[in-house]
N, C-alpha and C. Protein backbone atom coordinates (compact mmCIF):
# COMPACT_ATOMS: atom_id res chain seq x y z
N MET A 1 -94.07 10.60 -28.70
CA MET A 1 -95.06 10.16 -27.79
C MET A 1 -96.39 9.90 -28.52
N ARG A 2 -96.74 10.85 -29.43
CA ARG A 2 -97.99 10.71 -30.20
C ARG A 2 -97.91 9.51 -31.17
N THR A 3 -96.74 9.31 -31.74
CA THR A 3 -96.57 8.22 -32.67
C THR A 3 -96.74 6.87 -31.98
N THR A 4 -96.27 6.75 -30.73
CA THR A 4 -96.42 5.51 -29.96
C THR A 4 -97.88 5.28 -29.67
N ARG A 5 -98.64 6.30 -29.31
CA ARG A 5 -100.06 6.17 -29.04
C ARG A 5 -100.83 5.73 -30.31
N ARG A 6 -100.49 6.35 -31.42
CA ARG A 6 -101.14 6.01 -32.68
C ARG A 6 -100.88 4.58 -33.08
N VAL A 7 -99.63 4.15 -32.93
CA VAL A 7 -99.29 2.78 -33.25
C VAL A 7 -100.02 1.80 -32.34
N ALA A 8 -100.05 2.12 -31.04
CA ALA A 8 -100.78 1.27 -30.09
C ALA A 8 -102.25 1.21 -30.40
N ALA A 9 -102.85 2.36 -30.74
CA ALA A 9 -104.27 2.39 -31.09
C ALA A 9 -104.56 1.59 -32.36
N ALA A 10 -103.69 1.71 -33.34
CA ALA A 10 -103.84 0.93 -34.61
C ALA A 10 -103.71 -0.56 -34.34
N LEU A 11 -102.75 -0.95 -33.55
CA LEU A 11 -102.58 -2.36 -33.20
C LEU A 11 -103.81 -2.94 -32.45
N LEU A 12 -104.32 -2.13 -31.55
CA LEU A 12 -105.51 -2.54 -30.77
C LEU A 12 -106.71 -2.72 -31.71
N LEU A 13 -106.87 -1.82 -32.65
CA LEU A 13 -107.96 -1.88 -33.62
C LEU A 13 -107.86 -3.11 -34.48
N VAL A 14 -106.67 -3.40 -34.96
CA VAL A 14 -106.46 -4.58 -35.83
C VAL A 14 -106.72 -5.85 -35.03
N ALA A 15 -106.23 -5.91 -33.79
CA ALA A 15 -106.45 -7.09 -32.97
C ALA A 15 -107.93 -7.30 -32.68
N THR A 16 -108.68 -6.27 -32.40
CA THR A 16 -110.12 -6.36 -32.12
C THR A 16 -110.87 -6.86 -33.31
N VAL A 17 -110.58 -6.31 -34.50
CA VAL A 17 -111.25 -6.74 -35.71
C VAL A 17 -110.92 -8.20 -35.99
N GLY A 18 -109.71 -8.60 -35.81
CA GLY A 18 -109.33 -10.03 -35.99
C GLY A 18 -110.05 -10.95 -35.06
N LEU A 19 -110.23 -10.56 -33.80
CA LEU A 19 -110.95 -11.40 -32.85
C LEU A 19 -112.43 -11.53 -33.21
N VAL A 20 -113.03 -10.42 -33.67
CA VAL A 20 -114.42 -10.45 -34.06
C VAL A 20 -114.64 -11.39 -35.23
N ILE A 21 -113.78 -11.29 -36.23
CA ILE A 21 -113.88 -12.18 -37.43
C ILE A 21 -113.69 -13.64 -37.03
N ALA A 22 -112.70 -13.92 -36.20
CA ALA A 22 -112.45 -15.29 -35.75
C ALA A 22 -113.60 -15.86 -34.97
N ALA A 23 -114.22 -15.04 -34.09
CA ALA A 23 -115.35 -15.50 -33.31
C ALA A 23 -116.58 -15.78 -34.18
N ALA A 24 -116.82 -14.92 -35.17
CA ALA A 24 -117.97 -15.11 -36.06
C ALA A 24 -117.80 -16.36 -36.89
N SER A 25 -116.66 -16.66 -37.41
CA SER A 25 -116.46 -17.83 -38.24
C SER A 25 -116.51 -19.09 -37.35
N SER A 26 -116.06 -19.01 -36.11
CA SER A 26 -116.08 -20.18 -35.20
C SER A 26 -117.49 -20.52 -34.84
N VAL A 27 -118.36 -19.54 -34.55
CA VAL A 27 -119.74 -19.81 -34.25
C VAL A 27 -120.49 -20.41 -35.43
N ALA A 28 -120.20 -19.94 -36.63
CA ALA A 28 -120.85 -20.45 -37.81
C ALA A 28 -120.48 -21.91 -38.07
N GLN A 29 -119.26 -22.30 -37.73
CA GLN A 29 -118.82 -23.67 -37.97
C GLN A 29 -119.32 -24.64 -36.87
N GLU A 30 -119.56 -24.15 -35.67
CA GLU A 30 -119.90 -25.02 -34.55
C GLU A 30 -121.32 -25.57 -34.66
N ARG A 31 -122.29 -24.75 -35.13
CA ARG A 31 -123.66 -25.16 -35.13
C ARG A 31 -124.22 -25.27 -36.54
N PRO A 32 -124.06 -26.41 -37.19
CA PRO A 32 -124.69 -26.56 -38.50
C PRO A 32 -126.20 -26.64 -38.34
N ARG A 33 -126.91 -26.03 -39.22
CA ARG A 33 -128.37 -25.97 -39.12
C ARG A 33 -128.99 -27.30 -39.56
N LYS A 34 -129.92 -27.82 -38.77
CA LYS A 34 -130.62 -29.01 -39.13
C LYS A 34 -131.52 -28.77 -40.33
N ARG A 35 -131.59 -29.75 -41.18
CA ARG A 35 -132.44 -29.67 -42.39
C ARG A 35 -133.59 -30.63 -42.29
N GLU A 36 -134.06 -30.93 -41.07
CA GLU A 36 -135.15 -31.86 -40.87
C GLU A 36 -136.41 -31.15 -40.38
N ALA A 37 -137.54 -31.75 -40.63
CA ALA A 37 -138.80 -31.26 -40.07
C ALA A 37 -138.81 -31.46 -38.55
N ALA A 38 -139.47 -30.56 -37.86
CA ALA A 38 -139.61 -30.68 -36.40
C ALA A 38 -140.84 -31.53 -36.13
N CYS A 39 -140.64 -32.67 -35.39
CA CYS A 39 -141.74 -33.57 -35.14
C CYS A 39 -141.93 -33.80 -33.68
N SER A 40 -143.18 -33.97 -33.28
CA SER A 40 -143.50 -34.34 -31.90
C SER A 40 -144.37 -35.57 -31.95
N THR A 41 -144.08 -36.55 -31.10
CA THR A 41 -144.85 -37.79 -31.05
C THR A 41 -145.60 -37.89 -29.74
N SER A 42 -146.74 -38.57 -29.76
CA SER A 42 -147.49 -38.81 -28.56
C SER A 42 -148.08 -40.20 -28.63
N VAL A 43 -148.18 -40.84 -27.44
CA VAL A 43 -148.68 -42.20 -27.37
C VAL A 43 -149.81 -42.19 -26.34
N ARG A 44 -150.97 -42.76 -26.75
CA ARG A 44 -152.12 -42.92 -25.89
C ARG A 44 -152.60 -44.39 -26.03
N GLY A 45 -152.34 -45.17 -24.99
CA GLY A 45 -152.74 -46.57 -25.07
C GLY A 45 -152.06 -47.29 -26.21
N SER A 46 -152.86 -47.72 -27.18
CA SER A 46 -152.28 -48.47 -28.30
C SER A 46 -152.18 -47.62 -29.55
N HIS A 47 -152.38 -46.31 -29.44
CA HIS A 47 -152.33 -45.39 -30.60
C HIS A 47 -151.16 -44.43 -30.47
N ALA A 48 -150.40 -44.29 -31.55
CA ALA A 48 -149.29 -43.29 -31.59
C ALA A 48 -149.56 -42.30 -32.73
N THR A 49 -149.29 -41.04 -32.47
CA THR A 49 -149.41 -40.02 -33.49
C THR A 49 -148.15 -39.16 -33.52
N ALA A 50 -147.88 -38.63 -34.68
CA ALA A 50 -146.76 -37.69 -34.84
C ALA A 50 -147.23 -36.53 -35.68
N SER A 51 -146.84 -35.34 -35.25
CA SER A 51 -147.15 -34.13 -36.00
C SER A 51 -145.81 -33.46 -36.40
N CYS A 52 -145.60 -33.25 -37.68
CA CYS A 52 -144.34 -32.72 -38.18
C CYS A 52 -144.55 -31.46 -38.95
N PHE A 53 -143.70 -30.47 -38.74
CA PHE A 53 -143.72 -29.18 -39.45
C PHE A 53 -142.32 -28.95 -40.02
N ASN A 54 -142.25 -28.59 -41.27
CA ASN A 54 -140.98 -28.38 -41.97
C ASN A 54 -140.73 -26.89 -42.20
N PRO A 55 -139.84 -26.26 -41.43
CA PRO A 55 -139.54 -24.86 -41.63
C PRO A 55 -138.46 -24.60 -42.67
N ASN A 56 -137.92 -25.64 -43.28
CA ASN A 56 -136.77 -25.54 -44.16
C ASN A 56 -137.21 -25.41 -45.58
N PRO A 57 -136.34 -24.91 -46.48
CA PRO A 57 -136.70 -24.77 -47.91
C PRO A 57 -136.65 -26.07 -48.67
N ARG A 58 -136.14 -27.16 -48.13
CA ARG A 58 -136.08 -28.42 -48.80
C ARG A 58 -137.15 -29.38 -48.27
N VAL A 59 -137.52 -30.34 -49.12
CA VAL A 59 -138.53 -31.33 -48.77
C VAL A 59 -137.89 -32.36 -47.82
N ASP A 60 -138.65 -32.77 -46.81
CA ASP A 60 -138.20 -33.82 -45.92
C ASP A 60 -139.22 -34.96 -45.98
N ARG A 61 -138.75 -36.19 -45.99
CA ARG A 61 -139.62 -37.35 -46.00
C ARG A 61 -139.61 -37.92 -44.59
N VAL A 62 -140.77 -38.00 -43.95
CA VAL A 62 -140.85 -38.49 -42.55
C VAL A 62 -141.62 -39.81 -42.54
N GLN A 63 -141.29 -40.62 -41.53
CA GLN A 63 -141.96 -41.91 -41.34
C GLN A 63 -142.08 -42.21 -39.85
N LEU A 64 -143.29 -42.58 -39.43
CA LEU A 64 -143.54 -42.94 -38.02
C LEU A 64 -143.29 -44.43 -37.84
N HIS A 65 -142.52 -44.76 -36.79
CA HIS A 65 -142.21 -46.17 -36.45
C HIS A 65 -142.78 -46.45 -35.05
N VAL A 66 -143.42 -47.60 -34.86
CA VAL A 66 -143.99 -47.96 -33.59
C VAL A 66 -143.50 -49.35 -33.21
N GLU A 67 -142.95 -49.46 -31.99
CA GLU A 67 -142.52 -50.74 -31.44
C GLU A 67 -143.53 -51.14 -30.39
N CYS A 68 -144.17 -52.28 -30.61
CA CYS A 68 -145.22 -52.76 -29.71
C CYS A 68 -144.60 -53.46 -28.48
N ALA A 69 -145.32 -53.43 -27.37
CA ALA A 69 -144.79 -53.97 -26.12
C ALA A 69 -144.85 -55.51 -26.08
N ARG A 70 -145.88 -56.09 -26.66
CA ARG A 70 -146.07 -57.55 -26.62
C ARG A 70 -145.25 -58.24 -27.73
N TRP A 71 -144.69 -59.38 -27.45
CA TRP A 71 -143.87 -60.08 -28.41
C TRP A 71 -144.68 -60.54 -29.62
N TRP A 72 -145.97 -60.83 -29.45
CA TRP A 72 -146.80 -61.32 -30.54
C TRP A 72 -147.46 -60.22 -31.32
N ASP A 73 -147.31 -58.98 -30.88
CA ASP A 73 -147.90 -57.82 -31.54
C ASP A 73 -146.90 -57.28 -32.56
N PRO A 74 -147.24 -57.26 -33.85
CA PRO A 74 -146.22 -56.82 -34.85
C PRO A 74 -145.93 -55.33 -34.77
N ASP A 75 -144.64 -55.00 -34.88
CA ASP A 75 -144.23 -53.61 -34.94
C ASP A 75 -144.74 -52.99 -36.22
N MET A 76 -145.06 -51.70 -36.21
CA MET A 76 -145.68 -51.08 -37.34
C MET A 76 -144.85 -49.87 -37.82
N ASP A 77 -144.84 -49.66 -39.13
CA ASP A 77 -144.21 -48.48 -39.74
C ASP A 77 -145.22 -47.84 -40.65
N ALA A 78 -145.49 -46.55 -40.43
CA ALA A 78 -146.41 -45.82 -41.34
C ALA A 78 -145.69 -45.60 -42.67
N ARG A 79 -146.46 -45.31 -43.70
CA ARG A 79 -145.84 -45.06 -44.99
C ARG A 79 -145.09 -43.73 -44.95
N PRO A 80 -143.98 -43.60 -45.65
CA PRO A 80 -143.23 -42.33 -45.67
C PRO A 80 -144.08 -41.24 -46.34
N VAL A 81 -144.03 -40.04 -45.78
CA VAL A 81 -144.78 -38.92 -46.28
C VAL A 81 -143.84 -37.73 -46.52
N GLU A 82 -143.97 -37.06 -47.65
CA GLU A 82 -143.15 -35.89 -47.94
C GLU A 82 -143.79 -34.67 -47.25
N VAL A 83 -142.88 -33.88 -46.61
CA VAL A 83 -143.32 -32.62 -45.98
C VAL A 83 -142.57 -31.54 -46.70
N GLY A 84 -143.31 -30.73 -47.45
CA GLY A 84 -142.71 -29.63 -48.20
C GLY A 84 -142.38 -28.46 -47.31
N PRO A 85 -141.76 -27.42 -47.86
CA PRO A 85 -141.44 -26.22 -47.09
C PRO A 85 -142.71 -25.59 -46.52
N ALA A 86 -142.67 -25.27 -45.24
CA ALA A 86 -143.77 -24.61 -44.50
C ALA A 86 -145.05 -25.43 -44.53
N GLN A 87 -144.93 -26.77 -44.54
CA GLN A 87 -146.08 -27.65 -44.48
C GLN A 87 -146.04 -28.47 -43.19
N ARG A 88 -147.24 -28.92 -42.82
CA ARG A 88 -147.41 -29.78 -41.62
C ARG A 88 -148.13 -31.03 -42.04
N VAL A 89 -147.67 -32.15 -41.48
CA VAL A 89 -148.35 -33.46 -41.70
C VAL A 89 -148.58 -34.12 -40.35
N ASP A 90 -149.62 -34.98 -40.31
CA ASP A 90 -149.90 -35.78 -39.13
C ASP A 90 -149.82 -37.26 -39.55
N LEU A 91 -149.17 -38.07 -38.75
CA LEU A 91 -149.02 -39.49 -38.99
C LEU A 91 -149.61 -40.25 -37.81
N ALA A 92 -150.18 -41.40 -38.07
CA ALA A 92 -150.77 -42.23 -37.03
C ALA A 92 -150.48 -43.72 -37.29
N GLU A 93 -150.32 -44.44 -36.21
CA GLU A 93 -150.13 -45.90 -36.31
C GLU A 93 -150.54 -46.47 -34.98
N ARG A 94 -150.73 -47.81 -34.94
CA ARG A 94 -151.21 -48.40 -33.70
C ARG A 94 -150.71 -49.85 -33.54
N CYS A 95 -150.78 -50.34 -32.29
CA CYS A 95 -150.55 -51.70 -31.97
C CYS A 95 -151.86 -52.29 -31.48
N TRP A 96 -151.94 -53.62 -31.36
CA TRP A 96 -153.15 -54.22 -30.81
C TRP A 96 -153.26 -53.91 -29.32
N LYS A 97 -152.14 -53.95 -28.63
CA LYS A 97 -152.07 -53.68 -27.19
C LYS A 97 -151.19 -52.42 -26.94
N GLU A 98 -150.35 -52.47 -25.94
CA GLU A 98 -149.54 -51.33 -25.55
C GLU A 98 -148.39 -51.05 -26.51
N ILE A 99 -147.95 -49.81 -26.50
CA ILE A 99 -146.82 -49.39 -27.32
C ILE A 99 -145.57 -49.23 -26.43
N ARG A 100 -144.45 -49.81 -26.83
CA ARG A 100 -143.21 -49.67 -26.07
C ARG A 100 -142.58 -48.30 -26.40
N LYS A 101 -142.44 -48.00 -27.67
CA LYS A 101 -141.90 -46.67 -28.06
C LYS A 101 -142.32 -46.34 -29.48
N ALA A 102 -142.29 -45.03 -29.78
CA ALA A 102 -142.66 -44.51 -31.09
C ALA A 102 -141.64 -43.42 -31.44
N TRP A 103 -141.23 -43.38 -32.73
CA TRP A 103 -140.27 -42.36 -33.15
C TRP A 103 -140.48 -42.08 -34.64
N VAL A 104 -139.90 -40.98 -35.07
CA VAL A 104 -139.99 -40.53 -36.47
C VAL A 104 -138.61 -40.57 -37.09
N SER A 105 -138.49 -41.10 -38.31
CA SER A 105 -137.23 -41.04 -39.05
C SER A 105 -137.38 -40.04 -40.18
N HIS A 106 -136.24 -39.47 -40.58
CA HIS A 106 -136.21 -38.43 -41.60
C HIS A 106 -135.32 -38.88 -42.78
N HIS A 107 -135.77 -38.58 -43.97
CA HIS A 107 -135.01 -38.87 -45.18
C HIS A 107 -135.14 -37.63 -46.07
N ALA A 108 -134.14 -36.75 -45.98
CA ALA A 108 -134.20 -35.50 -46.76
C ALA A 108 -134.11 -35.74 -48.23
N GLU A 109 -134.84 -35.01 -49.03
CA GLU A 109 -134.79 -35.09 -50.47
C GLU A 109 -133.60 -34.29 -50.96
N ARG A 110 -132.93 -34.76 -51.98
CA ARG A 110 -131.75 -34.09 -52.51
C ARG A 110 -132.10 -33.32 -53.76
């Protein structure tokens, strides 16, 4: 009787440890960590700004892109700027009239 309980307890322990290891490796594989700077953009009239902060140990190169609303108004791209680890940068660009959309692109340094 005692041998059966010991075997059952040992099997339960092995199964629990196996489930914990499988769950930990599954979570690590599901969510790869982003290596980009966190950027927020805002548009006011014909002016667009972006503020980017890089919490990662690698350098990220960011660039602000602005698409103007009028067909005759040229779309604008700010020059690419490197954001080092734990650094913040501000980017600005404008159209002559209204802005249709503004976004930031990332080019990580290798």
